[in-house]
Amino acid sequence: MSDIIEAAVKALNEKLGGDGIDGSIKFEIVGVGAVRIDENGVSADDSEADCTLSADQSVFEDLMAGNLNPTAAFMGGKLSVDGDMGMAMKLGSLLT
C-alpha cells in the first residue's frame, strides 16, 4: 500500500471518528489507488461500491484539508461521481 493511500485511510478515519457508514463509498485517487468506506470503517480497498468518487491526488488532499468544498469540486469538474449521488452527498456532509 502506498504512503498516499495509508495517509488517506488515516485522514478519513479521523474525519469519520472511526465509524462506518450505511452503504459503501469508494474514493479513487487517480493513478494512486482507492480507499473504501463502508459499515466496517475505512480501508484501502478497490472493490465495487454503491458510489465511486474520483479525483486526482491534489484535489483529494484539498478536500481532506478542508480547502475545497466537495460540492464545489464536483460542480467545477475536479471530482467525478459514479453511482448513488445520495451516498456522495452523505460523504460530502461528513467531510465538511
Protein backbone atom coordinates (compact mmCIF):
# COMPACT_ATOMS: atom_id res chain seq x y z
CA MET A 1 0.00 0.00 0.00
CA SER A 2 1.33 3.42 -0.93
CA ASP A 3 2.03 6.16 1.58
CA ILE A 4 -0.68 8.26 -0.06
CA ILE A 5 -3.32 5.57 0.44
CA GLU A 6 -2.19 4.97 4.03
CA ALA A 7 -2.48 8.72 4.70
CA ALA A 8 -5.92 8.78 3.04
CA VAL A 9 -7.18 5.91 5.22
CA LYS A 10 -5.88 7.67 8.33
CA ALA A 11 -7.37 11.06 7.34
CA LEU A 12 -10.78 9.60 6.54
CA ASN A 13 -10.82 7.56 9.76
CA GLU A 14 -10.13 10.76 11.70
CA LYS A 15 -12.90 12.64 9.85
CA LEU A 16 -15.39 9.82 10.48
CA GLY A 17 -14.28 9.19 14.05
CA GLY A 18 -13.51 5.55 13.21
CA ASP A 19 -17.19 4.87 12.44
CA GLY A 20 -18.54 3.16 9.38
CA ILE A 21 -21.48 4.21 7.22
CA ASP A 22 -24.57 2.53 5.85
CA GLY A 23 -23.73 1.54 2.29
CA SER A 24 -20.36 1.89 0.63
CA ILE A 25 -18.34 4.65 -0.99
CA LYS A 26 -15.05 4.28 -2.83
CA PHE A 27 -12.74 7.23 -3.25
CA GLU A 28 -10.47 6.62 -6.22
CA ILE A 29 -7.31 8.71 -6.22
CA VAL A 30 -6.42 8.69 -9.91
CA GLY A 31 -3.11 6.96 -10.61
CA VAL A 32 -2.61 6.09 -6.94
CA GLY A 33 -5.28 3.69 -5.66
CA ALA A 34 -8.57 3.59 -3.82
CA VAL A 35 -10.00 3.93 -0.34
CA ARG A 36 -13.34 2.36 0.57
CA ILE A 37 -15.71 3.44 3.33
CA ASP A 38 -18.44 1.04 4.46
CA GLU A 39 -20.08 -0.35 7.61
CA ASN A 40 -16.66 -1.61 8.77
CA GLY A 41 -14.99 1.79 8.51
CA VAL A 42 -12.25 2.95 6.15
CA SER A 43 -9.81 0.65 4.35
CA ALA A 44 -7.50 0.51 1.35
CA ASP A 45 -9.82 -1.38 -0.99
CA ASP A 46 -10.65 -1.09 -4.69
CA SER A 47 -13.73 -3.33 -4.68
CA GLU A 48 -17.12 -2.25 -6.04
CA ALA A 49 -19.11 0.30 -4.04
CA ASP A 50 -22.53 1.97 -4.14
CA CYS A 51 -20.82 5.20 -5.13
CA THR A 52 -17.37 5.92 -6.55
CA LEU A 53 -15.77 9.36 -6.30
CA SER A 54 -12.73 10.02 -8.49
CA ALA A 55 -10.24 12.86 -8.25
CA ASP A 56 -6.53 13.44 -8.58
CA GLN A 57 -4.27 13.48 -5.56
CA SER A 58 -4.14 17.26 -5.14
CA VAL A 59 -7.95 17.54 -5.16
CA PHE A 60 -8.22 14.73 -2.61
CA GLU A 61 -5.66 16.45 -0.36
CA ASP A 62 -7.54 19.76 -0.65
CA LEU A 63 -10.81 18.02 0.26
CA MET A 64 -9.25 16.36 3.31
CA ALA A 65 -7.63 19.62 4.46
CA GLY A 66 -10.93 21.47 4.16
CA ASN A 67 -9.51 23.77 1.48
CA LEU A 68 -12.01 22.59 -1.14
CA ASN A 69 -15.74 22.06 -0.74
CA PRO A 70 -16.83 18.67 -2.17
CA THR A 71 -19.82 20.23 -3.94
CA ALA A 72 -17.64 22.94 -5.48
CA ALA A 73 -15.14 20.29 -6.59
CA PHE A 74 -17.93 18.32 -8.27
CA MET A 75 -19.50 21.37 -9.91
CA GLY A 76 -16.07 22.53 -11.11
CA GLY A 77 -15.31 19.17 -12.73
CA LYS A 78 -12.49 18.32 -10.31
CA LEU A 79 -14.43 15.46 -8.70
CA SER A 80 -16.45 12.89 -10.62
CA VAL A 81 -19.23 10.78 -9.12
CA ASP A 82 -20.43 7.42 -10.40
CA GLY A 83 -23.33 5.64 -8.76
CA ASP A 84 -25.56 6.70 -5.87
CA MET A 85 -25.47 10.51 -5.70
CA GLY A 86 -27.13 10.37 -2.26
CA MET A 87 -24.11 8.50 -0.91
CA ALA A 88 -21.80 11.11 -2.41
CA MET A 89 -23.78 13.88 -0.71
CA LYS A 90 -23.63 11.98 2.57
CA LEU A 91 -19.85 11.77 2.37
CA GLY A 92 -19.67 15.43 1.40
CA SER A 93 -21.52 16.41 4.55
CA LEU A 94 -19.21 14.25 6.66
CA LEU A 95 -16.11 15.90 5.19
CA THR A 96 -17.20 19.48 5.87
